[in-house]
């Protein structure tokens, strides 16, 4: 067994200090371990310096001061390993749940929404916050802390905006644009200027920045700013109309004082006029489906998969131009003819029956917002201009229900 001299022990202690070990207890602990290894394994015929240099790498991966950094981390961040386990497990749970949820959504199986919600909530409120806490403690450079922080903020906003989008909750578009703002105006500048100053990381920083710009740009191109705005507005108009229909149905159908006695001939004539209007609505719907299907017979479910949020194609079908200006976007003949038929039907009902159908079939000009301005707008532009396909289908279906309700209220 080899026995170390006092000078050799002092040399080891001093070398440990030079390698970044500052805590006295840690210095003495390392000194004890290194001395024990050397004394137990080194033979008397070997050179001390060479053997010491071969033993030292057993205590670190890259350099000895890693032990000091990890000790400091454990002293200031007591639950480091526990949080690391939670981070890894939540990350694995989120990834697996998100993958399964995406498959369920594609296949239209029940439970997709729950799985996606669980995955996104786990990423946003468990994985990313713990990731930030751990990584911000590990890095020493302030710029690196900001980079991690901005990256985590972007990740959380991106995940939550996706959740709000798939659940159709309000605020998804604002949250998504805010996430892109954090990416382009906070994360990217700090990342680029902090990395380009270091010659060792300059090239990687430039390449990474280019990739971030490309990826962010591709994501931004998927942001339908006008489409989302017009979709929200179209849904609000449709919802308001549905409320009016509910009020009309509850008042007109139950109010016996507005009913008049009608003979069988009038009843037959009313039914004929009703069927004529309904056929006209059906023709408009079928023509739209044929236009979007490029002349082929395509059912509504297939069109919804490809055109659900498409407002431009529908606008081009109903109007002669696309300027988002109701004074310049003139309706085509198919829409003009539909409105004419509706007016004729409404006039007939108002003339021969004590029914006010204007609350659910209002063909007069009303206010609608275009590019931030409230404009007095005609019926065609309110329900069909820059309106997504999904909402147009809903409006046409609702129009059929309106006509049936007017017919029922007359009889």
Foldseek 3Di string as FASTA:
>chain_A
DDDDDPVLLVVQLVVLVVQAADDPVVSVVVSVVLRVVCRVPPDPVDDPVVVSVVSVCVCDDPTNNVVVLVVVCCVVPVCLVVLVVQLVVLLVQLVVLLVVLVVCVVVVHPPSLVSLVSSLCSVQPRNLVSVLVNVLSNDDDPLVNQLSVLVSQLSNLCSVLVNCVVVVHPPSLVSNVVSLCSLPPRNLVSQQVVQCVDPVRNVVSVVVSVVSCVVSVVVVVVRPPLLVVQQVQLVVLLVQLVVLVVVQLVPLLPDPVQEDDDDPVVLVVLVVLLVVLLVLLVVVVQVLCCQQVVNDDDDPVVCCVPFVSPQPSQLVVQFVDADLDQVPTHGDPSVVVSLVSLVVSQVVLVVPGSGDLCSNVPQAFDWDDGPRDTDGHGPCCSNRHSYTPNSNVVVSVSVSVSSVSSSSSHD
